[in-house]
Amino acid sequence: MTAAERAILVELDQILRSEKVRTLIRPMVERVHAKLSRETGALMAWEPIPLTVYGGLLPGAIKSSWVFVLRAGANTGAERHPNSHQRMMSFHGSGNMEVQGGSSAPNDERWQSNMLISDSNTPLEKRWISIPQNVWHQPVISKETDWVVVSFHTVPAEELIEERPESSGQERTKQMRYLG
């Protein structure tokens, strides 16, 4: 990780350590968790976090923020964001954010494990991950509890694209937007 990238994560970490910010995010986590509980077949649920929650303190490159609740024991599959750099923090629970380098199709043999936990006393690298634009990643969640993460993207919420491999062949992808 570069010094510049680490500085961004430190800045985001300091913002998310604010009890005021955490108090504003908790009701969103509860809503998203309730949604996931209702949708028994879903592997995850999400909601954008209004940037006003952060009181104007976000770095200029951040254009959207999200809360995701990922179901215990799930692997949501490979995805990448062709138009955004993602920075993600483990907010509650733990999971493994596996990543690959490059923009080629995902290959199960090249995944790098990044175990993330929500203990604020652990080093930054154990709680945060930075995933550059177009890098394949997949969360693998422990069986014990759902994993709540807060993520930040470099595009507005309505523009964020998720790309996944098509089932007919990993060289082809399908795109979707989280909103819309």
N, C-alpha and C. Protein backbone atom coordinates (compact mmCIF):
# COMPACT_ATOMS: atom_id res chain seq x y z
N MET A 1 0.85 -1.18 0.00
CA MET A 1 0.00 0.00 0.00
C MET A 1 0.90 1.24 0.00
N THR A 2 0.56 2.19 -0.85
CA THR A 2 1.35 3.42 -0.91
C THR A 2 1.07 4.29 0.31
N ALA A 3 1.97 5.21 0.56
CA ALA A 3 1.79 6.15 1.67
C ALA A 3 0.54 7.01 1.45
N ALA A 4 0.30 7.41 0.20
CA ALA A 4 -0.87 8.23 -0.11
C ALA A 4 -2.17 7.46 0.15
N GLU A 5 -2.19 6.19 -0.23
CA GLU A 5 -3.40 5.38 0.00
C GLU A 5 -3.60 5.13 1.48
N ARG A 6 -2.54 4.87 2.19
CA ARG A 6 -2.64 4.68 3.64
C ARG A 6 -3.18 5.94 4.31
N ALA A 7 -2.75 7.10 3.85
CA ALA A 7 -3.23 8.37 4.42
C ALA A 7 -4.74 8.51 4.23
N ILE A 8 -5.25 8.10 3.07
CA ILE A 8 -6.71 8.16 2.83
C ILE A 8 -7.43 7.22 3.79
N LEU A 9 -6.91 6.00 3.96
CA LEU A 9 -7.56 5.05 4.87
C LEU A 9 -7.51 5.54 6.31
N VAL A 10 -6.41 6.15 6.71
CA VAL A 10 -6.31 6.70 8.07
C VAL A 10 -7.35 7.80 8.26
N GLU A 11 -7.50 8.64 7.26
CA GLU A 11 -8.49 9.73 7.33
C GLU A 11 -9.91 9.16 7.44
N LEU A 12 -10.23 8.18 6.60
CA LEU A 12 -11.55 7.55 6.66
C LEU A 12 -11.77 6.85 8.00
N ASP A 13 -10.73 6.20 8.49
CA ASP A 13 -10.82 5.50 9.77
C ASP A 13 -11.13 6.48 10.91
N GLN A 14 -10.47 7.60 10.91
CA GLN A 14 -10.71 8.60 11.95
C GLN A 14 -12.15 9.10 11.90
N ILE A 15 -12.68 9.29 10.69
CA ILE A 15 -14.07 9.73 10.55
C ILE A 15 -15.03 8.67 11.10
N LEU A 16 -14.77 7.40 10.76
CA LEU A 16 -15.66 6.33 11.21
C LEU A 16 -15.49 5.98 12.68
N ARG A 17 -14.46 6.46 13.31
CA ARG A 17 -14.30 6.26 14.76
C ARG A 17 -15.16 7.25 15.56
N SER A 18 -15.65 8.28 14.91
CA SER A 18 -16.48 9.27 15.58
C SER A 18 -17.78 8.63 16.05
N GLU A 19 -18.08 8.79 17.33
CA GLU A 19 -19.31 8.22 17.87
C GLU A 19 -20.54 8.86 17.21
N LYS A 20 -20.44 10.13 16.86
CA LYS A 20 -21.54 10.81 16.18
C LYS A 20 -21.84 10.13 14.83
N VAL A 21 -20.79 9.85 14.06
CA VAL A 21 -20.96 9.19 12.76
C VAL A 21 -21.50 7.78 12.96
N ARG A 22 -20.94 7.03 13.89
CA ARG A 22 -21.39 5.65 14.14
C ARG A 22 -22.86 5.63 14.58
N THR A 23 -23.26 6.61 15.37
CA THR A 23 -24.65 6.71 15.82
C THR A 23 -25.59 6.93 14.63
N LEU A 24 -25.16 7.68 13.64
CA LEU A 24 -25.97 7.92 12.45
C LEU A 24 -26.01 6.70 11.53
N ILE A 25 -24.95 5.92 11.53
CA ILE A 25 -24.88 4.74 10.65
C ILE A 25 -25.64 3.55 11.23
N ARG A 26 -25.67 3.41 12.54
CA ARG A 26 -26.30 2.23 13.16
C ARG A 26 -27.75 1.99 12.71
N PRO A 27 -28.62 3.01 12.61
CA PRO A 27 -29.99 2.73 12.13
C PRO A 27 -30.00 2.20 10.69
N MET A 28 -29.05 2.64 9.89
CA MET A 28 -28.96 2.12 8.51
C MET A 28 -28.57 0.65 8.53
N VAL A 29 -27.62 0.30 9.40
CA VAL A 29 -27.22 -1.09 9.55
C VAL A 29 -28.42 -1.93 9.96
N GLU A 30 -29.20 -1.45 10.90
CA GLU A 30 -30.38 -2.19 11.36
C GLU A 30 -31.39 -2.38 10.24
N ARG A 31 -31.61 -1.33 9.42
CA ARG A 31 -32.54 -1.44 8.28
C ARG A 31 -32.05 -2.47 7.27
N VAL A 32 -30.77 -2.39 6.94
CA VAL A 32 -30.21 -3.30 5.94
C VAL A 32 -30.22 -4.73 6.48
N HIS A 33 -29.90 -4.88 7.74
CA HIS A 33 -29.94 -6.22 8.35
C HIS A 33 -31.35 -6.78 8.32
N ALA A 34 -32.35 -5.96 8.63
CA ALA A 34 -33.75 -6.40 8.57
C ALA A 34 -34.13 -6.80 7.15
N LYS A 35 -33.67 -6.06 6.17
CA LYS A 35 -33.95 -6.38 4.77
C LYS A 35 -33.36 -7.74 4.42
N LEU A 36 -32.11 -7.99 4.84
CA LEU A 36 -31.47 -9.27 4.56
C LEU A 36 -32.23 -10.41 5.25
N SER A 37 -32.72 -10.17 6.46
CA SER A 37 -33.48 -11.19 7.19
C SER A 37 -34.78 -11.54 6.47
N ARG A 38 -35.42 -10.53 5.87
CA ARG A 38 -36.68 -10.76 5.12
C ARG A 38 -36.43 -11.50 3.81
N GLU A 39 -35.32 -11.21 3.17
CA GLU A 39 -34.99 -11.80 1.86
C GLU A 39 -34.11 -13.03 2.10
N THR A 40 -34.74 -14.14 2.48
CA THR A 40 -34.01 -15.32 2.95
C THR A 40 -33.07 -15.92 1.90
N GLY A 41 -33.31 -15.70 0.64
CA GLY A 41 -32.44 -16.24 -0.41
C GLY A 41 -31.29 -15.32 -0.78
N ALA A 42 -31.31 -14.09 -0.29
CA ALA A 42 -30.27 -13.12 -0.65
C ALA A 42 -28.98 -13.39 0.13
N LEU A 43 -27.85 -13.14 -0.52
CA LEU A 43 -26.55 -13.30 0.13
C LEU A 43 -26.10 -12.01 0.80
N MET A 44 -26.68 -10.88 0.36
CA MET A 44 -26.31 -9.60 0.94
C MET A 44 -27.42 -8.59 0.68
N ALA A 45 -27.37 -7.51 1.46
CA ALA A 45 -28.28 -6.37 1.26
C ALA A 45 -27.44 -5.12 1.50
N TRP A 46 -27.92 -3.98 0.96
CA TRP A 46 -27.14 -2.76 1.05
C TRP A 46 -28.01 -1.53 1.00
N GLU A 47 -27.39 -0.42 1.35
CA GLU A 47 -28.05 0.88 1.30
C GLU A 47 -26.96 1.95 1.20
N PRO A 48 -27.16 2.95 0.36
CA PRO A 48 -26.17 4.04 0.34
C PRO A 48 -26.26 4.87 1.62
N ILE A 49 -25.14 5.37 2.05
CA ILE A 49 -25.08 6.25 3.22
C ILE A 49 -24.99 7.68 2.70
N PRO A 50 -25.90 8.56 3.07
CA PRO A 50 -25.79 9.96 2.62
C PRO A 50 -24.45 10.55 3.08
N LEU A 51 -23.76 11.22 2.19
CA LEU A 51 -22.45 11.77 2.53
C LEU A 51 -22.53 12.83 3.62
N THR A 52 -23.72 13.40 3.82
CA THR A 52 -23.89 14.39 4.89
C THR A 52 -23.64 13.79 6.27
N VAL A 53 -23.77 12.47 6.39
CA VAL A 53 -23.50 11.78 7.66
C VAL A 53 -22.08 12.08 8.14
N TYR A 54 -21.19 12.29 7.19
CA TYR A 54 -19.77 12.47 7.51
C TYR A 54 -19.39 13.94 7.76
N GLY A 55 -20.37 14.81 7.75
CA GLY A 55 -20.14 16.20 8.13
C GLY A 55 -19.13 16.96 7.30
N GLY A 56 -19.04 16.65 6.02
CA GLY A 56 -18.13 17.37 5.13
C GLY A 56 -16.66 17.02 5.33
N LEU A 57 -16.36 15.95 6.03
CA LEU A 57 -14.98 15.60 6.35
C LEU A 57 -14.33 14.61 5.38
N LEU A 58 -15.09 14.07 4.45
CA LEU A 58 -14.54 13.05 3.55
C LEU A 58 -13.50 13.63 2.59
N PRO A 59 -12.50 12.81 2.23
CA PRO A 59 -11.56 13.23 1.19
C PRO A 59 -12.31 13.52 -0.11
N GLY A 60 -11.81 14.45 -0.90
CA GLY A 60 -12.49 14.88 -2.12
C GLY A 60 -12.76 13.79 -3.13
N ALA A 61 -11.94 12.75 -3.15
CA ALA A 61 -12.12 11.67 -4.13
C ALA A 61 -13.32 10.79 -3.82
N ILE A 62 -13.82 10.84 -2.59
CA ILE A 62 -14.94 9.98 -2.19
C ILE A 62 -16.24 10.62 -2.66
N LYS A 63 -17.01 9.85 -3.46
CA LYS A 63 -18.27 10.35 -4.02
C LYS A 63 -19.49 9.57 -3.55
N SER A 64 -19.28 8.42 -2.89
CA SER A 64 -20.42 7.68 -2.33
C SER A 64 -19.93 6.77 -1.21
N SER A 65 -20.88 6.39 -0.37
CA SER A 65 -20.59 5.50 0.75
C SER A 65 -21.77 4.55 0.90
N TRP A 66 -21.49 3.36 1.40
CA TRP A 66 -22.49 2.32 1.47
C TRP A 66 -22.35 1.52 2.75
N VAL A 67 -23.45 0.95 3.21
CA VAL A 67 -23.41 -0.08 4.23
C VAL A 67 -23.91 -1.37 3.56
N PHE A 68 -23.15 -2.44 3.74
CA PHE A 68 -23.51 -3.76 3.24
C PHE A 68 -23.59 -4.71 4.43
N VAL A 69 -24.60 -5.57 4.41
CA VAL A 69 -24.67 -6.66 5.36
C VAL A 69 -24.59 -7.93 4.52
N LEU A 70 -23.57 -8.74 4.80
CA LEU A 70 -23.31 -9.97 4.05
C LEU A 70 -23.66 -11.15 4.94
N ARG A 71 -24.44 -12.07 4.40
CA ARG A 71 -24.98 -13.19 5.17
C ARG A 71 -23.88 -14.13 5.68
N ALA A 72 -24.02 -14.54 6.93
CA ALA A 72 -23.08 -15.49 7.54
C ALA A 72 -22.96 -16.74 6.67
N GLY A 73 -21.72 -17.18 6.46
CA GLY A 73 -21.46 -18.39 5.70
C GLY A 73 -21.51 -18.24 4.20
N ALA A 74 -21.71 -17.03 3.71
CA ALA A 74 -21.87 -16.81 2.26
C ALA A 74 -20.54 -16.50 1.58
N ASN A 75 -20.50 -16.80 0.30
CA ASN A 75 -19.48 -16.31 -0.62
C ASN A 75 -20.30 -15.68 -1.74
N THR A 76 -20.28 -14.37 -1.84
CA THR A 76 -21.16 -13.68 -2.79
C THR A 76 -20.66 -13.77 -4.23
N GLY A 77 -19.45 -14.31 -4.43
CA GLY A 77 -18.91 -14.47 -5.77
C GLY A 77 -18.05 -13.30 -6.19
N ALA A 78 -17.34 -13.51 -7.29
CA ALA A 78 -16.39 -12.51 -7.80
C ALA A 78 -17.12 -11.31 -8.39
N GLU A 79 -16.58 -10.14 -8.12
CA GLU A 79 -17.10 -8.90 -8.69
C GLU A 79 -15.94 -7.91 -8.81
N ARG A 80 -16.16 -6.90 -9.61
CA ARG A 80 -15.22 -5.78 -9.69
C ARG A 80 -16.01 -4.53 -10.05
N HIS A 81 -15.38 -3.39 -9.84
CA HIS A 81 -16.00 -2.11 -10.16
C HIS A 81 -15.14 -1.44 -11.24
N PRO A 82 -15.62 -1.45 -12.49
CA PRO A 82 -14.82 -0.89 -13.58
C PRO A 82 -14.70 0.63 -13.55
N ASN A 83 -15.51 1.28 -12.71
CA ASN A 83 -15.50 2.75 -12.70
C ASN A 83 -15.22 3.33 -11.31
N SER A 84 -14.74 2.53 -10.36
CA SER A 84 -14.54 3.07 -9.03
C SER A 84 -13.45 2.34 -8.24
N HIS A 85 -12.73 3.11 -7.46
CA HIS A 85 -11.79 2.58 -6.47
C HIS A 85 -12.60 2.42 -5.18
N GLN A 86 -12.55 1.25 -4.58
CA GLN A 86 -13.33 0.95 -3.37
C GLN A 86 -12.40 0.88 -2.16
N ARG A 87 -12.84 1.51 -1.08
CA ARG A 87 -12.18 1.39 0.22
C ARG A 87 -13.23 0.88 1.18
N MET A 88 -12.91 -0.21 1.89
CA MET A 88 -13.92 -0.87 2.70
C MET A 88 -13.39 -1.16 4.09
N MET A 89 -14.28 -0.99 5.08
CA MET A 89 -13.94 -1.21 6.48
C MET A 89 -14.89 -2.22 7.10
N SER A 90 -14.34 -3.12 7.90
CA SER A 90 -15.16 -4.08 8.65
C SER A 90 -15.79 -3.34 9.82
N PHE A 91 -17.11 -3.18 9.78
CA PHE A 91 -17.84 -2.40 10.78
C PHE A 91 -18.32 -3.27 11.94
N HIS A 92 -18.77 -4.49 11.62
CA HIS A 92 -19.21 -5.43 12.65
C HIS A 92 -19.04 -6.85 12.11
N GLY A 93 -18.48 -7.73 12.93
CA GLY A 93 -18.25 -9.09 12.48
C GLY A 93 -16.91 -9.19 11.78
N SER A 94 -16.75 -10.25 11.00
CA SER A 94 -15.49 -10.45 10.29
C SER A 94 -15.73 -11.22 9.00
N GLY A 95 -14.76 -11.15 8.12
CA GLY A 95 -14.85 -11.86 6.86
C GLY A 95 -13.52 -11.81 6.14
N ASN A 96 -13.48 -12.49 5.04
CA ASN A 96 -12.28 -12.57 4.22
C ASN A 96 -12.58 -11.91 2.89
N MET A 97 -11.93 -10.80 2.60
CA MET A 97 -12.09 -10.16 1.30
C MET A 97 -10.94 -10.63 0.42
N GLU A 98 -11.26 -11.58 -0.44
CA GLU A 98 -10.25 -12.11 -1.35
C GLU A 98 -10.14 -11.19 -2.56
N VAL A 99 -8.92 -10.96 -3.02
CA VAL A 99 -8.70 -10.08 -4.17
C VAL A 99 -7.73 -10.73 -5.15
N GLN A 100 -7.80 -10.26 -6.39
CA GLN A 100 -6.88 -10.66 -7.45
C GLN A 100 -6.30 -9.40 -8.07
N GLY A 101 -5.14 -9.54 -8.67
CA GLY A 101 -4.57 -8.43 -9.42
C GLY A 101 -5.04 -8.46 -10.86
N GLY A 102 -4.91 -7.33 -11.53
CA GLY A 102 -5.22 -7.27 -12.96
C GLY A 102 -6.70 -7.21 -13.26
N SER A 103 -7.02 -7.12 -14.53
CA SER A 103 -8.41 -7.00 -14.95
C SER A 103 -8.89 -8.21 -15.74
N SER A 104 -8.09 -9.28 -15.77
CA SER A 104 -8.53 -10.48 -16.48
C SER A 104 -9.62 -11.18 -15.69
N ALA A 105 -10.22 -12.20 -16.30
CA ALA A 105 -11.30 -12.92 -15.63
C ALA A 105 -10.80 -13.56 -14.34
N PRO A 106 -11.67 -13.68 -13.34
CA PRO A 106 -11.24 -14.27 -12.08
C PRO A 106 -10.80 -15.72 -12.25
N ASN A 107 -9.76 -16.08 -11.52
CA ASN A 107 -9.20 -17.42 -11.56
C ASN A 107 -9.04 -17.89 -10.12
N ASP A 108 -9.74 -18.93 -9.75
CA ASP A 108 -9.77 -19.37 -8.35
C ASP A 108 -8.39 -19.63 -7.76
N GLU A 109 -7.40 -19.90 -8.56
CA GLU A 109 -6.08 -20.25 -8.04
C GLU A 109 -5.27 -19.02 -7.60
N ARG A 110 -5.71 -17.83 -7.93
CA ARG A 110 -4.90 -16.64 -7.66
C ARG A 110 -5.51 -15.70 -6.63
N TRP A 111 -6.48 -16.12 -5.86
CA TRP A 111 -7.09 -15.25 -4.87
C TRP A 111 -6.15 -15.04 -3.69
N GLN A 112 -6.04 -13.80 -3.24
CA GLN A 112 -5.25 -13.46 -2.06
C GLN A 112 -6.21 -13.15 -0.91
N SER A 113 -5.99 -13.81 0.20
CA SER A 113 -6.85 -13.67 1.37
C SER A 113 -6.53 -12.40 2.15
N ASN A 114 -7.57 -11.71 2.61
CA ASN A 114 -7.45 -10.53 3.46
C ASN A 114 -8.51 -10.64 4.55
N MET A 115 -8.14 -11.27 5.65
CA MET A 115 -9.06 -11.42 6.77
C MET A 115 -9.22 -10.06 7.45
N LEU A 116 -10.47 -9.63 7.57
CA LEU A 116 -10.77 -8.33 8.19
C LEU A 116 -11.66 -8.54 9.40
N ILE A 117 -11.35 -7.80 10.47
CA ILE A 117 -12.14 -7.89 11.70
C ILE A 117 -12.57 -6.48 12.11
N SER A 118 -13.46 -6.42 13.07
CA SER A 118 -14.05 -5.13 13.47
C SER A 118 -13.53 -4.59 14.80
N ASP A 119 -12.43 -5.09 15.26
CA ASP A 119 -11.84 -4.65 16.52
C ASP A 119 -11.03 -3.38 16.29
N SER A 120 -11.49 -2.25 16.83
CA SER A 120 -10.82 -0.96 16.59
C SER A 120 -9.42 -0.89 17.18
N ASN A 121 -9.04 -1.85 18.02
CA ASN A 121 -7.71 -1.87 18.60
C ASN A 121 -6.68 -2.58 17.74
N THR A 122 -7.12 -3.16 16.63
CA THR A 122 -6.20 -3.86 15.75
C THR A 122 -5.66 -2.90 14.69
N PRO A 123 -4.53 -3.25 14.07
CA PRO A 123 -3.95 -2.37 13.05
C PRO A 123 -4.92 -2.12 11.89
N LEU A 124 -4.75 -0.98 11.26
CA LEU A 124 -5.58 -0.54 10.13
C LEU A 124 -5.72 -1.63 9.07
N GLU A 125 -4.63 -2.30 8.75
CA GLU A 125 -4.62 -3.32 7.69
C GLU A 125 -5.46 -4.54 8.03
N LYS A 126 -5.82 -4.71 9.27
CA LYS A 126 -6.68 -5.83 9.68
C LYS A 126 -8.16 -5.46 9.67
N ARG A 127 -8.44 -4.16 9.45
CA ARG A 127 -9.83 -3.68 9.45
C ARG A 127 -10.25 -3.08 8.13
N TRP A 128 -9.30 -2.63 7.31
CA TRP A 128 -9.57 -1.92 6.07
C TRP A 128 -8.94 -2.64 4.89
N ILE A 129 -9.54 -2.44 3.72
CA ILE A 129 -8.93 -2.88 2.47
C ILE A 129 -9.18 -1.82 1.41
N SER A 130 -8.20 -1.66 0.54
CA SER A 130 -8.31 -0.76 -0.59
C SER A 130 -8.28 -1.60 -1.86
N ILE A 131 -9.33 -1.47 -2.68
CA ILE A 131 -9.46 -2.29 -3.89
C ILE A 131 -9.51 -1.35 -5.09
N PRO A 132 -8.41 -1.27 -5.85
CA PRO A 132 -8.38 -0.37 -7.01
C PRO A 132 -9.45 -0.72 -8.05
N GLN A 133 -9.73 0.23 -8.89
CA GLN A 133 -10.67 0.07 -10.00
C GLN A 133 -10.31 -1.17 -10.80
N ASN A 134 -11.31 -1.94 -11.19
CA ASN A 134 -11.18 -3.11 -12.07
C ASN A 134 -10.52 -4.32 -11.43
N VAL A 135 -10.30 -4.34 -10.12
CA VAL A 135 -9.69 -5.49 -9.46
C VAL A 135 -10.79 -6.42 -8.96
N TRP A 136 -10.70 -7.70 -9.34
CA TRP A 136 -11.68 -8.69 -8.90
C TRP A 136 -11.54 -8.90 -7.40
N HIS A 137 -12.69 -9.03 -6.74
CA HIS A 137 -12.72 -9.30 -5.30
C HIS A 137 -13.97 -10.09 -4.97
N GLN A 138 -13.90 -10.82 -3.86
CA GLN A 138 -15.07 -11.59 -3.40
C GLN A 138 -15.01 -11.74 -1.89
N PRO A 139 -16.10 -11.37 -1.22
CA PRO A 139 -16.16 -11.57 0.22
C PRO A 139 -16.58 -12.99 0.56
N VAL A 140 -15.87 -13.57 1.52
CA VAL A 140 -16.20 -14.88 2.07
C VAL A 140 -16.46 -14.65 3.55
N ILE A 141 -17.67 -14.93 3.98
CA ILE A 141 -18.11 -14.55 5.33
C ILE A 141 -18.09 -15.77 6.25
N SER A 142 -17.65 -15.55 7.48
CA SER A 142 -17.62 -16.64 8.47
C SER A 142 -19.03 -17.13 8.74
N LYS A 143 -19.13 -18.35 9.24
CA LYS A 143 -20.44 -18.95 9.51
C LYS A 143 -21.07 -18.45 10.79
N GLU A 144 -20.29 -17.78 11.64
CA GLU A 144 -20.77 -17.37 12.95
C GLU A 144 -21.79 -16.23 12.93
N THR A 145 -21.53 -15.22 12.13
CA THR A 145 -22.41 -14.04 12.15
C THR A 145 -22.34 -13.30 10.82
N ASP A 146 -23.38 -12.54 10.53
CA ASP A 146 -23.36 -11.68 9.34
C ASP A 146 -22.22 -10.70 9.46
N TRP A 147 -21.72 -10.24 8.32
CA TRP A 147 -20.61 -9.30 8.28
C TRP A 147 -21.13 -7.96 7.79
N VAL A 148 -20.93 -6.92 8.59
CA VAL A 148 -21.36 -5.57 8.22
C VAL A 148 -20.10 -4.80 7.81
N VAL A 149 -20.15 -4.22 6.61
CA VAL A 149 -19.03 -3.42 6.13
C VAL A 149 -19.53 -2.05 5.68
N VAL A 150 -18.66 -1.07 5.79
CA VAL A 150 -18.92 0.26 5.25
C VAL A 150 -17.90 0.46 4.14
N SER A 151 -18.39 0.86 2.98
CA SER A 151 -17.48 1.07 1.85
C SER A 151 -17.63 2.47 1.29
N PHE A 152 -16.55 2.89 0.66
CA PHE A 152 -16.47 4.22 0.03
C PHE A 152 -16.04 4.02 -1.41
N HIS A 153 -16.67 4.80 -2.31
CA HIS A 153 -16.35 4.69 -3.74
C HIS A 153 -16.04 6.06 -4.32
N THR A 154 -15.36 6.03 -5.46
CA THR A 154 -14.94 7.27 -6.12
C THR A 154 -15.92 7.73 -7.19
N VAL A 155 -17.11 7.12 -7.24
CA VAL A 155 -18.18 7.58 -8.12
C VAL A 155 -19.44 7.77 -7.29
N PRO A 156 -20.35 8.65 -7.73
CA PRO A 156 -21.63 8.80 -7.01
C PRO A 156 -22.40 7.49 -6.97
N ALA A 157 -23.25 7.35 -5.98
CA ALA A 157 -24.00 6.11 -5.76
C ALA A 157 -24.75 5.64 -7.01
N GLU A 158 -25.39 6.56 -7.71
CA GLU A 158 -26.19 6.17 -8.88
C GLU A 158 -25.33 5.74 -10.07
N GLU A 159 -24.02 6.00 -10.02
CA GLU A 159 -23.12 5.63 -11.12
C GLU A 159 -22.30 4.38 -10.84
N LEU A 160 -22.33 3.87 -9.61
CA LEU A 160 -21.49 2.73 -9.25
C LEU A 160 -21.92 1.48 -10.01
N ILE A 161 -20.97 0.89 -10.71
CA ILE A 161 -21.21 -0.32 -11.50
C ILE A 161 -20.52 -1.51 -10.84
N GLU A 162 -21.28 -2.60 -10.72
CA GLU A 162 -20.73 -3.88 -10.30
C GLU A 162 -20.68 -4.75 -11.54
N GLU A 163 -19.56 -5.41 -11.74
CA GLU A 163 -19.40 -6.31 -12.87
C GLU A 163 -19.10 -7.70 -12.33
N ARG A 164 -19.80 -8.71 -12.87
CA ARG A 164 -19.60 -10.10 -12.45
C ARG A 164 -19.39 -10.98 -13.68
N PRO A 165 -18.67 -12.08 -13.51
CA PRO A 165 -18.50 -12.99 -14.64
C PRO A 165 -19.85 -13.62 -15.01
N GLU A 166 -20.08 -13.81 -16.31
CA GLU A 166 -21.28 -14.51 -16.75
C GLU A 166 -21.09 -15.99 -16.51
N SER A 167 -22.17 -16.68 -16.22
CA SER A 167 -22.07 -18.11 -15.95
C SER A 167 -21.63 -18.90 -17.18
N SER A 168 -21.88 -18.36 -18.37
CA SER A 168 -21.51 -19.06 -19.60
C SER A 168 -20.02 -19.03 -19.87
N GLY A 169 -19.30 -18.18 -19.21
CA GLY A 169 -17.86 -18.10 -19.41
C GLY A 169 -17.28 -16.90 -18.71
N GLN A 170 -16.17 -17.11 -17.99
CA GLN A 170 -15.62 -16.03 -17.19
C GLN A 170 -14.96 -14.93 -18.00
N GLU A 171 -14.78 -15.16 -19.30
CA GLU A 171 -14.21 -14.09 -20.12
C GLU A 171 -15.24 -13.01 -20.44
N ARG A 172 -16.52 -13.31 -20.22
CA ARG A 172 -17.60 -12.34 -20.43
C ARG A 172 -18.16 -11.92 -19.09
N THR A 173 -18.62 -10.68 -19.03
CA THR A 173 -19.16 -10.18 -17.76
C THR A 173 -20.54 -9.57 -17.98
N LYS A 174 -21.25 -9.43 -16.87
CA LYS A 174 -22.52 -8.70 -16.88
C LYS A 174 -22.39 -7.58 -15.85
N GLN A 175 -23.04 -6.47 -16.15
CA GLN A 175 -22.95 -5.30 -15.28
C GLN A 175 -24.31 -4.98 -14.69
N MET A 176 -24.24 -4.41 -13.48
CA MET A 176 -25.46 -3.91 -12.83
C MET A 176 -25.07 -2.69 -12.00
N ARG A 177 -26.06 -1.94 -11.63
CA ARG A 177 -25.87 -0.81 -10.72
C ARG A 177 -26.57 -1.16 -9.41
N TYR A 178 -25.98 -0.73 -8.31
CA TYR A 178 -26.60 -0.99 -7.01
C TYR A 178 -27.87 -0.18 -6.82
N LEU A 179 -27.97 0.96 -7.48
CA LEU A 179 -29.18 1.78 -7.45
C LEU A 179 -29.79 1.78 -8.84
N GLY A 180 -31.12 1.80 -8.88
CA GLY A 180 -31.76 1.96 -10.17
C GLY A 180 -32.47 0.79 -10.71
